[in-house]
Structure formats: C-alpha cells, structure tokens
Amino acid sequence: MAHETHHAQLLGDAAFTDEELARACGVQLTWVHEHVQAGVLSLDSGSGQWRFASTTLVRARRIARLESDFDADPQLAALTADLIEEVAELRRRLAALQPR
C-alpha cells in the first residue's frame, strides 16, 4: 500500500486579512464585510483589526460555496455550516470513545 505525504502549513489566529479571506473564498471584499456585519463570520477578537483565524477561512469557504451552489440565503448557509461543523465535532467525539 502506497502512502502519500502531504505537507501543509497550520495557520493560527489572525492569519488572514479581509482581502486575503475574500481572495481565498473567491468572493468580493464586500461579501466578507457583509457577512461579518451580519454575524455570520467572526473577526479574531485579539487583534483589534479585521483579521481572521484559519478556522474562519474554512467556514467562509463553506458558506460561500453553499450560497453559490444552492443559491442559499446567507443566514441559511450559515445555519447549514453550523450544522456541518456540529456533526463533524460529534463524529470526532464519537471516534475518540471507540475502542481501538
């Protein structure tokens, strides 16, 4: 069985500016600002600037894709993203409880 090795850089909090987040999600900068103001995306609270954690990038990309693919309302896309994140967390917890 062949194993592939993937190298990735783990980024932490305040890793992205609003422009970088918009570019990474393939959306306009106004999309980012509107979603922050609506409470759908959160800023990194420690920076005091428009900076976003890497986890917010994952969430933003998911929401942008839901809005684009399903023509979803931003709040509905955010709710769906919340549910996807919750299911993933529950699956991680369940896997941790499984005997090895």
Foldseek 3Di string as FASTA:
>chain_A
DDDDDDDDDAWFAQRAALVRLCVLLVHDSVVSVVCCVVVLADARVPPPHRGGTPVSSVLSNQLSCCCVVVVDDSVVSSVVSVVVVVVVVVVVVVVVPDDD
